[in-house]
Amino acid sequence: MIFKSVFLLPCSRPINHRWRKLVGYCISVTKTPRTARKRIVMPTNHTPPETGPHRFRMGPWISCAPFEKLLHMEIVEAAAGRAILRMPFLVDLAQGAGLMHGGALVGLADTAVVMAIKSIVAPQTHFATVKMQANFRRPVRQGVVTARARVNAVRERWLEGRALVCDQEERTVLAFEATFKIARDTRIRITP
């Protein structure tokens, strides 16, 4: 069965063979043997969430930002250019096949390298990832993943770091390398 079009509309009518309930909306299905096309109609009163710029106060220099908290990352250790972070595989981090999403694994690896860097630079130093490479070795199906990171090289304003992410059986699931650049002017300018 191929669908010609799909329409999402606010739904208050009863469900029957032409309507399917979908998270507060109805999906209208028109059957046709041609190529499938989709059209999504949002309700007119839909207001997008706040998109920034956001202002918030971080805790200590080596602590989790809102993104890391969203992914339930935990900083186990960060000192002398090394860091260890953990993250549980919650259902919110699953991709369509039920495995841990690669973006969550890369986020953990990147954050682990960031914490390793923070352990050797002055507090409030601003730096950012400018290049990364991630090599996925095996899927994660369950448990807690651990990232072990270290700073490999420091050249003027450039830093290079590596991280290995392992599953709870200590098998490597991701090998990660990244390059970071320290900002010339370490003050972040936010325009109103």
N, C-alpha and C. Protein backbone atom coordinates (compact mmCIF):
# COMPACT_ATOMS: atom_id res chain seq x y z
N MET A 1 0.84 -1.16 0.00
CA MET A 1 0.00 0.00 0.00
C MET A 1 0.90 1.23 0.00
N ILE A 2 0.74 2.15 -0.94
CA ILE A 2 1.50 3.38 -1.02
C ILE A 2 0.52 4.53 -0.83
N PHE A 3 0.95 5.54 -0.08
CA PHE A 3 0.08 6.67 0.21
C PHE A 3 0.44 7.85 -0.68
N LYS A 4 -0.57 8.49 -1.22
CA LYS A 4 -0.34 9.66 -2.06
C LYS A 4 -0.06 10.88 -1.21
N SER A 5 -0.85 11.08 -0.18
CA SER A 5 -0.63 12.25 0.66
C SER A 5 -1.02 11.94 2.09
N VAL A 6 -0.40 12.67 3.00
CA VAL A 6 -0.68 12.52 4.41
C VAL A 6 -0.93 13.91 4.96
N PHE A 7 -2.02 14.11 5.66
CA PHE A 7 -2.35 15.40 6.24
C PHE A 7 -2.50 15.25 7.74
N LEU A 8 -1.81 16.08 8.51
CA LEU A 8 -1.98 16.10 9.96
C LEU A 8 -2.89 17.26 10.29
N LEU A 9 -4.00 16.99 10.94
CA LEU A 9 -4.97 18.02 11.29
C LEU A 9 -5.39 17.84 12.73
N PRO A 10 -5.78 18.93 13.43
CA PRO A 10 -6.31 18.75 14.78
C PRO A 10 -7.51 17.81 14.70
N CYS A 11 -7.58 16.87 15.63
CA CYS A 11 -8.57 15.80 15.51
C CYS A 11 -9.52 15.77 16.69
N SER A 12 -10.81 15.85 16.41
CA SER A 12 -11.81 15.64 17.44
C SER A 12 -12.83 14.62 16.97
N ARG A 13 -12.72 14.22 15.69
CA ARG A 13 -13.69 13.25 15.16
C ARG A 13 -13.28 11.82 15.53
N PRO A 14 -14.24 10.91 15.55
CA PRO A 14 -13.93 9.53 15.91
C PRO A 14 -13.01 8.87 14.88
N ILE A 15 -12.26 7.90 15.35
CA ILE A 15 -11.33 7.19 14.47
C ILE A 15 -12.13 6.17 13.65
N ASN A 16 -11.91 6.17 12.33
CA ASN A 16 -12.49 5.15 11.48
C ASN A 16 -11.45 4.69 10.47
N HIS A 17 -11.81 4.01 9.42
CA HIS A 17 -10.83 3.42 8.49
C HIS A 17 -10.04 4.47 7.71
N ARG A 18 -10.50 5.72 7.60
CA ARG A 18 -9.77 6.74 6.85
C ARG A 18 -8.96 7.67 7.76
N TRP A 19 -9.13 7.59 9.07
CA TRP A 19 -8.42 8.47 10.01
C TRP A 19 -7.68 7.63 11.04
N ARG A 20 -6.48 8.04 11.35
CA ARG A 20 -5.69 7.37 12.38
C ARG A 20 -5.25 8.43 13.39
N LYS A 21 -5.41 8.14 14.67
CA LYS A 21 -5.01 9.10 15.70
C LYS A 21 -3.49 9.11 15.84
N LEU A 22 -2.89 10.31 15.96
CA LEU A 22 -1.43 10.44 16.05
C LEU A 22 -1.11 11.61 16.97
N VAL A 23 -0.81 11.36 18.22
CA VAL A 23 -0.39 12.34 19.19
C VAL A 23 -1.21 13.63 19.11
N GLY A 24 -2.51 13.55 19.28
CA GLY A 24 -3.35 14.73 19.30
C GLY A 24 -3.73 15.26 17.93
N TYR A 25 -3.27 14.63 16.88
CA TYR A 25 -3.61 15.03 15.53
C TYR A 25 -4.24 13.83 14.82
N CYS A 26 -4.88 14.07 13.71
CA CYS A 26 -5.34 12.95 12.89
C CYS A 26 -4.52 12.94 11.63
N ILE A 27 -4.35 11.77 11.10
CA ILE A 27 -3.60 11.63 9.87
C ILE A 27 -4.57 11.11 8.81
N SER A 28 -4.76 11.88 7.76
CA SER A 28 -5.67 11.50 6.69
C SER A 28 -4.86 10.75 5.65
N VAL A 29 -5.32 9.58 5.28
CA VAL A 29 -4.57 8.74 4.36
C VAL A 29 -5.35 8.56 3.07
N THR A 30 -4.72 8.89 1.96
CA THR A 30 -5.31 8.65 0.65
C THR A 30 -4.46 7.61 -0.05
N LYS A 31 -5.06 6.50 -0.41
CA LYS A 31 -4.31 5.40 -1.03
C LYS A 31 -4.20 5.62 -2.53
N THR A 32 -3.01 5.35 -3.06
CA THR A 32 -2.78 5.42 -4.50
C THR A 32 -1.55 4.61 -4.83
N PRO A 33 -1.46 4.05 -6.01
CA PRO A 33 -0.28 3.26 -6.38
C PRO A 33 0.91 4.11 -6.81
N ARG A 34 0.78 5.44 -6.81
CA ARG A 34 1.88 6.31 -7.23
C ARG A 34 2.85 6.59 -6.09
N THR A 35 3.84 7.37 -6.39
CA THR A 35 4.86 7.72 -5.40
C THR A 35 4.22 8.41 -4.20
N ALA A 36 4.71 8.08 -3.00
CA ALA A 36 4.15 8.66 -1.78
C ALA A 36 4.58 10.11 -1.63
N ARG A 37 3.66 10.96 -1.22
CA ARG A 37 3.95 12.35 -0.89
C ARG A 37 3.34 12.66 0.46
N LYS A 38 4.00 13.49 1.23
CA LYS A 38 3.50 13.82 2.56
C LYS A 38 3.31 15.34 2.68
N ARG A 39 2.27 15.73 3.39
CA ARG A 39 2.03 17.14 3.67
C ARG A 39 1.62 17.24 5.12
N ILE A 40 2.34 18.02 5.88
CA ILE A 40 2.05 18.18 7.30
C ILE A 40 1.50 19.58 7.52
N VAL A 41 0.35 19.65 8.16
CA VAL A 41 -0.29 20.94 8.45
C VAL A 41 -0.30 21.10 9.96
N MET A 42 0.40 22.11 10.46
CA MET A 42 0.42 22.38 11.89
C MET A 42 -0.79 23.23 12.25
N PRO A 43 -1.29 23.12 13.48
CA PRO A 43 -2.40 23.97 13.89
C PRO A 43 -1.99 25.44 13.82
N THR A 44 -2.93 26.33 13.58
CA THR A 44 -2.62 27.74 13.42
C THR A 44 -2.17 28.37 14.72
N ASN A 45 -2.50 27.79 15.87
CA ASN A 45 -2.08 28.37 17.15
C ASN A 45 -0.73 27.83 17.61
N HIS A 46 0.00 27.14 16.73
CA HIS A 46 1.31 26.56 17.08
C HIS A 46 2.34 27.68 17.26
N THR A 47 3.00 27.70 18.42
CA THR A 47 4.06 28.66 18.69
C THR A 47 5.36 27.89 18.86
N PRO A 48 6.39 28.22 18.06
CA PRO A 48 7.66 27.49 18.20
C PRO A 48 8.29 27.79 19.55
N PRO A 49 9.08 26.85 20.08
CA PRO A 49 9.75 27.10 21.35
C PRO A 49 10.79 28.21 21.21
N GLU A 50 11.18 28.76 22.33
CA GLU A 50 12.19 29.83 22.35
C GLU A 50 13.48 29.31 21.71
N THR A 51 14.03 30.06 20.75
CA THR A 51 15.21 29.60 20.01
C THR A 51 16.46 30.41 20.28
N GLY A 52 16.46 31.23 21.30
CA GLY A 52 17.69 31.92 21.70
C GLY A 52 17.78 33.35 21.23
N PRO A 53 18.85 34.05 21.58
CA PRO A 53 19.98 33.53 22.38
C PRO A 53 19.54 33.25 23.82
N HIS A 54 20.16 32.22 24.42
CA HIS A 54 19.81 31.82 25.77
C HIS A 54 20.88 32.28 26.74
N ARG A 55 20.43 32.73 27.89
CA ARG A 55 21.35 33.12 28.95
C ARG A 55 21.12 32.19 30.14
N PHE A 56 22.17 31.61 30.63
CA PHE A 56 22.09 30.76 31.82
C PHE A 56 23.44 30.83 32.51
N ARG A 57 23.47 30.47 33.75
CA ARG A 57 24.70 30.51 34.53
C ARG A 57 25.20 29.09 34.75
N MET A 58 26.42 28.85 34.32
CA MET A 58 27.04 27.54 34.55
C MET A 58 27.49 27.44 36.00
N GLY A 59 27.62 26.22 36.46
CA GLY A 59 28.14 25.97 37.79
C GLY A 59 29.66 26.10 37.76
N PRO A 60 30.36 25.19 38.40
CA PRO A 60 31.83 25.23 38.37
C PRO A 60 32.36 25.10 36.94
N TRP A 61 33.62 25.46 36.74
CA TRP A 61 34.25 25.43 35.42
C TRP A 61 34.10 24.06 34.77
N ILE A 62 34.36 23.01 35.52
CA ILE A 62 34.19 21.66 34.98
C ILE A 62 32.85 21.13 35.52
N SER A 63 31.82 21.33 34.71
CA SER A 63 30.48 20.86 35.05
C SER A 63 29.67 20.70 33.77
N CYS A 64 28.53 20.06 33.87
CA CYS A 64 27.69 19.80 32.70
C CYS A 64 26.85 21.02 32.33
N ALA A 65 26.83 21.33 31.05
CA ALA A 65 25.97 22.38 30.49
C ALA A 65 24.58 21.77 30.27
N PRO A 66 23.59 22.58 29.90
CA PRO A 66 22.23 22.04 29.68
C PRO A 66 22.18 20.87 28.70
N PHE A 67 22.96 20.90 27.62
CA PHE A 67 22.94 19.80 26.66
C PHE A 67 23.40 18.49 27.31
N GLU A 68 24.49 18.56 28.07
CA GLU A 68 25.00 17.36 28.72
C GLU A 68 24.01 16.83 29.76
N LYS A 69 23.33 17.75 30.46
CA LYS A 69 22.31 17.32 31.42
C LYS A 69 21.14 16.66 30.71
N LEU A 70 20.77 17.18 29.55
CA LEU A 70 19.68 16.60 28.77
C LEU A 70 19.98 15.14 28.41
N LEU A 71 21.25 14.85 28.11
CA LEU A 71 21.66 13.49 27.76
C LEU A 71 22.06 12.65 28.98
N HIS A 72 21.91 13.22 30.18
CA HIS A 72 22.21 12.52 31.44
C HIS A 72 23.68 12.12 31.55
N MET A 73 24.58 12.97 31.03
CA MET A 73 26.01 12.69 31.15
C MET A 73 26.46 12.96 32.59
N GLU A 74 27.45 12.19 33.01
CA GLU A 74 28.02 12.35 34.34
C GLU A 74 29.54 12.45 34.20
N ILE A 75 30.11 13.49 34.80
CA ILE A 75 31.57 13.65 34.80
C ILE A 75 32.11 12.85 35.98
N VAL A 76 32.85 11.80 35.68
CA VAL A 76 33.42 10.95 36.72
C VAL A 76 34.73 11.55 37.20
N GLU A 77 35.53 12.04 36.24
CA GLU A 77 36.85 12.57 36.56
C GLU A 77 37.30 13.50 35.45
N ALA A 78 37.99 14.58 35.80
CA ALA A 78 38.60 15.48 34.82
C ALA A 78 39.79 16.16 35.48
N ALA A 79 41.00 15.77 35.09
CA ALA A 79 42.22 16.34 35.66
C ALA A 79 43.41 16.02 34.77
N ALA A 80 44.36 16.95 34.75
CA ALA A 80 45.64 16.74 34.08
C ALA A 80 45.50 16.33 32.61
N GLY A 81 44.55 16.93 31.91
CA GLY A 81 44.39 16.66 30.49
C GLY A 81 43.69 15.36 30.16
N ARG A 82 43.03 14.77 31.14
CA ARG A 82 42.28 13.53 30.94
C ARG A 82 40.89 13.68 31.55
N ALA A 83 39.93 12.91 31.02
CA ALA A 83 38.57 12.96 31.56
C ALA A 83 37.87 11.62 31.33
N ILE A 84 36.97 11.30 32.25
CA ILE A 84 36.11 10.12 32.12
C ILE A 84 34.68 10.58 32.34
N LEU A 85 33.81 10.27 31.39
CA LEU A 85 32.39 10.60 31.49
C LEU A 85 31.57 9.35 31.24
N ARG A 86 30.37 9.31 31.83
CA ARG A 86 29.44 8.20 31.63
C ARG A 86 28.10 8.73 31.17
N MET A 87 27.37 7.88 30.44
CA MET A 87 26.03 8.23 29.99
C MET A 87 25.19 6.95 29.88
N PRO A 88 24.00 6.94 30.50
CA PRO A 88 23.15 5.76 30.39
C PRO A 88 22.41 5.73 29.07
N PHE A 89 22.14 4.54 28.57
CA PHE A 89 21.36 4.40 27.34
C PHE A 89 19.89 4.39 27.72
N LEU A 90 19.28 5.57 27.69
CA LEU A 90 17.86 5.71 27.96
C LEU A 90 17.10 5.61 26.64
N VAL A 91 15.83 5.31 26.70
CA VAL A 91 15.03 5.14 25.48
C VAL A 91 15.04 6.42 24.64
N ASP A 92 15.17 7.59 25.26
CA ASP A 92 15.21 8.85 24.51
C ASP A 92 16.43 8.95 23.61
N LEU A 93 17.43 8.13 23.84
CA LEU A 93 18.66 8.17 23.04
C LEU A 93 18.69 7.08 21.97
N ALA A 94 17.58 6.40 21.78
CA ALA A 94 17.52 5.31 20.79
C ALA A 94 17.19 5.84 19.41
N GLN A 95 17.76 5.20 18.40
CA GLN A 95 17.38 5.49 17.02
C GLN A 95 16.32 4.46 16.60
N GLY A 96 15.90 4.50 15.36
CA GLY A 96 14.78 3.68 14.90
C GLY A 96 14.91 2.19 15.08
N ALA A 97 16.13 1.66 15.08
CA ALA A 97 16.33 0.22 15.24
C ALA A 97 16.50 -0.19 16.69
N GLY A 98 16.36 0.76 17.62
CA GLY A 98 16.49 0.45 19.04
C GLY A 98 17.90 0.48 19.57
N LEU A 99 18.85 0.94 18.77
CA LEU A 99 20.25 1.06 19.20
C LEU A 99 20.49 2.49 19.69
N MET A 100 21.58 2.70 20.43
CA MET A 100 21.91 4.06 20.87
C MET A 100 22.26 4.89 19.65
N HIS A 101 21.70 6.10 19.58
CA HIS A 101 21.92 6.98 18.43
C HIS A 101 23.38 7.41 18.36
N GLY A 102 23.94 7.40 17.16
CA GLY A 102 25.33 7.79 16.96
C GLY A 102 25.61 9.21 17.40
N GLY A 103 24.64 10.10 17.23
CA GLY A 103 24.82 11.48 17.66
C GLY A 103 25.01 11.61 19.16
N ALA A 104 24.32 10.76 19.93
CA ALA A 104 24.49 10.76 21.38
C ALA A 104 25.89 10.29 21.75
N LEU A 105 26.39 9.27 21.06
CA LEU A 105 27.75 8.76 21.33
C LEU A 105 28.80 9.81 20.98
N VAL A 106 28.63 10.49 19.84
CA VAL A 106 29.57 11.54 19.44
C VAL A 106 29.50 12.70 20.43
N GLY A 107 28.30 13.04 20.87
CA GLY A 107 28.15 14.10 21.87
C GLY A 107 28.89 13.78 23.15
N LEU A 108 28.80 12.53 23.60
CA LEU A 108 29.53 12.10 24.80
C LEU A 108 31.03 12.19 24.59
N ALA A 109 31.52 11.71 23.45
CA ALA A 109 32.96 11.73 23.17
C ALA A 109 33.48 13.17 23.09
N ASP A 110 32.75 14.03 22.39
CA ASP A 110 33.15 15.44 22.26
C ASP A 110 33.18 16.11 23.62
N THR A 111 32.17 15.87 24.43
CA THR A 111 32.12 16.47 25.76
C THR A 111 33.24 15.95 26.64
N ALA A 112 33.60 14.69 26.51
CA ALA A 112 34.72 14.14 27.30
C ALA A 112 36.02 14.84 26.95
N VAL A 113 36.26 15.07 25.66
CA VAL A 113 37.48 15.78 25.25
C VAL A 113 37.42 17.23 25.77
N VAL A 114 36.26 17.85 25.70
CA VAL A 114 36.11 19.22 26.23
C VAL A 114 36.48 19.26 27.71
N MET A 115 36.02 18.30 28.50
CA MET A 115 36.34 18.29 29.93
C MET A 115 37.83 18.05 30.16
N ALA A 116 38.45 17.24 29.32
CA ALA A 116 39.90 17.04 29.43
C ALA A 116 40.63 18.35 29.15
N ILE A 117 40.16 19.10 28.15
CA ILE A 117 40.76 20.40 27.83
C ILE A 117 40.54 21.39 28.97
N LYS A 118 39.32 21.42 29.50
CA LYS A 118 39.02 22.35 30.60
C LYS A 118 39.92 22.10 31.81
N SER A 119 40.40 20.86 31.94
CA SER A 119 41.27 20.55 33.08
C SER A 119 42.66 21.14 32.95
N ILE A 120 43.03 21.66 31.76
CA ILE A 120 44.38 22.21 31.59
C ILE A 120 44.39 23.67 31.15
N VAL A 121 43.25 24.26 30.81
CA VAL A 121 43.23 25.67 30.42
C VAL A 121 42.66 26.49 31.57
N ALA A 122 42.90 27.79 31.53
CA ALA A 122 42.40 28.68 32.57
C ALA A 122 40.87 28.73 32.55
N PRO A 123 40.25 28.83 33.72
CA PRO A 123 38.79 28.95 33.75
C PRO A 123 38.31 30.13 32.92
N GLN A 124 37.14 29.96 32.31
CA GLN A 124 36.49 30.95 31.44
C GLN A 124 37.18 31.13 30.09
N THR A 125 38.13 30.25 29.75
CA THR A 125 38.72 30.26 28.41
C THR A 125 37.68 29.74 27.44
N HIS A 126 37.46 30.46 26.35
CA HIS A 126 36.47 30.05 25.36
C HIS A 126 37.15 29.32 24.21
N PHE A 127 36.63 28.14 23.90
CA PHE A 127 37.17 27.35 22.79
C PHE A 127 36.03 26.57 22.18
N ALA A 128 36.25 26.06 20.98
CA ALA A 128 35.19 25.33 20.28
C ALA A 128 35.79 24.23 19.42
N THR A 129 34.96 23.21 19.18
CA THR A 129 35.34 22.13 18.27
C THR A 129 35.34 22.68 16.85
N VAL A 130 36.43 22.50 16.11
CA VAL A 130 36.47 22.96 14.71
C VAL A 130 36.56 21.80 13.72
N LYS A 131 36.96 20.62 14.21
CA LYS A 131 37.05 19.45 13.34
C LYS A 131 36.92 18.20 14.20
N MET A 132 36.19 17.20 13.67
CA MET A 132 36.09 15.95 14.41
C MET A 132 35.99 14.77 13.45
N GLN A 133 36.40 13.61 13.95
CA GLN A 133 36.27 12.38 13.19
C GLN A 133 35.80 11.30 14.17
N ALA A 134 34.76 10.58 13.78
CA ALA A 134 34.21 9.52 14.63
C ALA A 134 34.19 8.22 13.85
N ASN A 135 34.75 7.18 14.43
CA ASN A 135 34.74 5.85 13.82
C ASN A 135 33.94 4.92 14.72
N PHE A 136 32.77 4.51 14.22
CA PHE A 136 31.90 3.62 14.98
C PHE A 136 32.38 2.18 14.82
N ARG A 137 32.55 1.49 15.94
CA ARG A 137 33.08 0.12 15.93
C ARG A 137 32.00 -0.94 16.11
N ARG A 138 31.04 -0.67 17.01
CA ARG A 138 29.97 -1.64 17.26
C ARG A 138 28.77 -0.90 17.85
N PRO A 139 27.56 -1.48 17.70
CA PRO A 139 26.36 -0.83 18.22
C PRO A 139 26.23 -0.98 19.73
N VAL A 140 25.50 -0.06 20.33
CA VAL A 140 25.18 -0.13 21.76
C VAL A 140 23.71 -0.50 21.87
N ARG A 141 23.43 -1.59 22.59
CA ARG A 141 22.06 -2.07 22.74
C ARG A 141 21.47 -1.80 24.11
N GLN A 142 22.35 -1.63 25.12
CA GLN A 142 21.87 -1.43 26.49
C GLN A 142 23.00 -0.95 27.37
N GLY A 143 22.63 -0.53 28.57
CA GLY A 143 23.61 -0.23 29.60
C GLY A 143 24.11 1.20 29.62
N VAL A 144 25.26 1.35 30.25
CA VAL A 144 25.91 2.65 30.42
C VAL A 144 27.17 2.66 29.57
N VAL A 145 27.38 3.73 28.81
CA VAL A 145 28.61 3.87 28.02
C VAL A 145 29.55 4.82 28.75
N THR A 146 30.84 4.59 28.58
CA THR A 146 31.87 5.38 29.25
C THR A 146 32.83 5.93 28.21
N ALA A 147 33.12 7.21 28.31
CA ALA A 147 34.09 7.86 27.42
C ALA A 147 35.34 8.20 28.22
N ARG A 148 36.49 7.80 27.69
CA ARG A 148 37.78 8.14 28.29
C ARG A 148 38.52 9.02 27.29
N ALA A 149 38.83 10.24 27.70
CA ALA A 149 39.41 11.22 26.79
C ALA A 149 40.73 11.74 27.32
N ARG A 150 41.55 12.24 26.36
CA ARG A 150 42.81 12.88 26.75
C ARG A 150 43.17 13.92 25.70
N VAL A 151 43.91 14.91 26.15
CA VAL A 151 44.43 15.93 25.24
C VAL A 151 45.75 15.40 24.70
N ASN A 152 45.86 15.36 23.36
CA ASN A 152 47.06 14.83 22.72
C ASN A 152 48.10 15.89 22.43
N ALA A 153 47.65 17.05 21.99
CA ALA A 153 48.59 18.09 21.55
C ALA A 153 48.03 19.47 21.83
N VAL A 154 48.95 20.39 22.17
CA VAL A 154 48.60 21.79 22.36
C VAL A 154 49.61 22.61 21.57
N ARG A 155 49.12 23.37 20.58
CA ARG A 155 49.99 24.23 19.77
C ARG A 155 49.34 25.59 19.67
N GLU A 156 49.92 26.57 20.38
CA GLU A 156 49.40 27.93 20.44
C GLU A 156 47.93 27.90 20.84
N ARG A 157 47.03 28.25 19.92
CA ARG A 157 45.59 28.27 20.23
C ARG A 157 44.88 27.01 19.77
N TRP A 158 45.61 25.99 19.34
CA TRP A 158 45.01 24.75 18.82
C TRP A 158 45.24 23.62 19.81
N LEU A 159 44.19 22.83 20.03
CA LEU A 159 44.28 21.67 20.90
C LEU A 159 43.71 20.46 20.17
N GLU A 160 44.34 19.31 20.36
CA GLU A 160 43.84 18.08 19.77
C GLU A 160 43.57 17.09 20.88
N GLY A 161 42.46 16.37 20.73
CA GLY A 161 42.10 15.39 21.75
C GLY A 161 41.52 14.13 21.14
N ARG A 162 41.54 13.06 21.93
CA ARG A 162 40.99 11.78 21.51
C ARG A 162 40.12 11.23 22.62
N ALA A 163 39.16 10.41 22.22
CA ALA A 163 38.32 9.72 23.20
C ALA A 163 37.96 8.34 22.67
N LEU A 164 37.87 7.40 23.57
CA LEU A 164 37.33 6.07 23.27
C LEU A 164 36.07 5.92 24.09
N VAL A 165 34.99 5.50 23.43
CA VAL A 165 33.73 5.25 24.13
C VAL A 165 33.56 3.74 24.17
N CYS A 166 33.30 3.22 25.38
CA CYS A 166 33.15 1.77 25.57
C CYS A 166 31.79 1.46 26.16
N ASP A 167 31.29 0.26 25.84
CA ASP A 167 30.02 -0.18 26.43
C ASP A 167 30.30 -0.75 27.82
N GLN A 168 29.26 -1.27 28.48
CA GLN A 168 29.45 -1.74 29.85
C GLN A 168 30.30 -3.00 29.94
N GLU A 169 30.55 -3.67 28.81
CA GLU A 169 31.46 -4.82 28.79
C GLU A 169 32.88 -4.39 28.44
N GLU A 170 33.12 -3.07 28.40
CA GLU A 170 34.42 -2.48 28.08
C GLU A 170 34.87 -2.74 26.65
N ARG A 171 33.92 -2.96 25.74
CA ARG A 171 34.24 -3.09 24.32
C ARG A 171 34.15 -1.70 23.69
N THR A 172 35.11 -1.37 22.84
CA THR A 172 35.12 -0.06 22.19
C THR A 172 33.98 0.03 21.19
N VAL A 173 33.15 1.06 21.34
CA VAL A 173 32.04 1.28 20.41
C VAL A 173 32.29 2.48 19.50
N LEU A 174 33.18 3.39 19.93
CA LEU A 174 33.47 4.59 19.14
C LEU A 174 34.89 5.07 19.43
N ALA A 175 35.63 5.36 18.36
CA ALA A 175 36.93 6.02 18.47
C ALA A 175 36.75 7.43 17.91
N PHE A 176 37.19 8.43 18.65
CA PHE A 176 36.88 9.82 18.34
C PHE A 176 38.14 10.67 18.42
N GLU A 177 38.32 11.56 17.43
CA GLU A 177 39.41 12.54 17.45
C GLU A 177 38.82 13.90 17.11
N ALA A 178 39.34 14.95 17.74
CA ALA A 178 38.82 16.29 17.46
C ALA A 178 39.91 17.33 17.64
N THR A 179 39.72 18.43 16.91
CA THR A 179 40.59 19.60 17.01
C THR A 179 39.75 20.75 17.54
N PHE A 180 40.31 21.50 18.48
CA PHE A 180 39.64 22.64 19.10
C PHE A 180 40.49 23.89 18.91
N LYS A 181 39.84 25.03 18.89
CA LYS A 181 40.56 26.29 18.78
C LYS A 181 40.12 27.21 19.91
N ILE A 182 41.11 27.79 20.58
CA ILE A 182 40.83 28.75 21.64
C ILE A 182 40.56 30.11 21.00
N ALA A 183 39.52 30.78 21.44
CA ALA A 183 39.15 32.08 20.89
C ALA A 183 40.24 33.11 21.19
N ARG A 184 40.48 33.98 20.21
CA ARG A 184 41.47 35.03 20.38
C ARG A 184 41.03 35.98 21.49
N ASP A 185 39.78 36.41 21.41
CA ASP A 185 39.20 37.25 22.45
C ASP A 185 38.30 36.32 23.24
N THR A 186 38.65 36.04 24.48
CA THR A 186 37.93 35.04 25.24
C THR A 186 36.60 35.52 25.81
N ARG A 187 36.21 36.73 25.54
CA ARG A 187 34.88 37.20 25.96
C ARG A 187 33.86 36.88 24.91
N ILE A 188 32.76 36.25 25.30
CA ILE A 188 31.67 35.97 24.36
C ILE A 188 30.80 37.20 24.26
N ARG A 189 30.56 37.63 23.06
CA ARG A 189 29.71 38.81 22.84
C ARG A 189 28.33 38.36 22.43
N ILE A 190 27.33 38.70 23.22
CA ILE A 190 25.93 38.37 22.90
C ILE A 190 25.24 39.67 22.50
N THR A 191 24.72 39.69 21.28
CA THR A 191 23.99 40.88 20.84
C THR A 191 22.52 40.74 21.21
N PRO A 192 21.91 41.81 21.74
CA PRO A 192 20.51 41.72 22.17
C PRO A 192 19.56 41.57 21.01
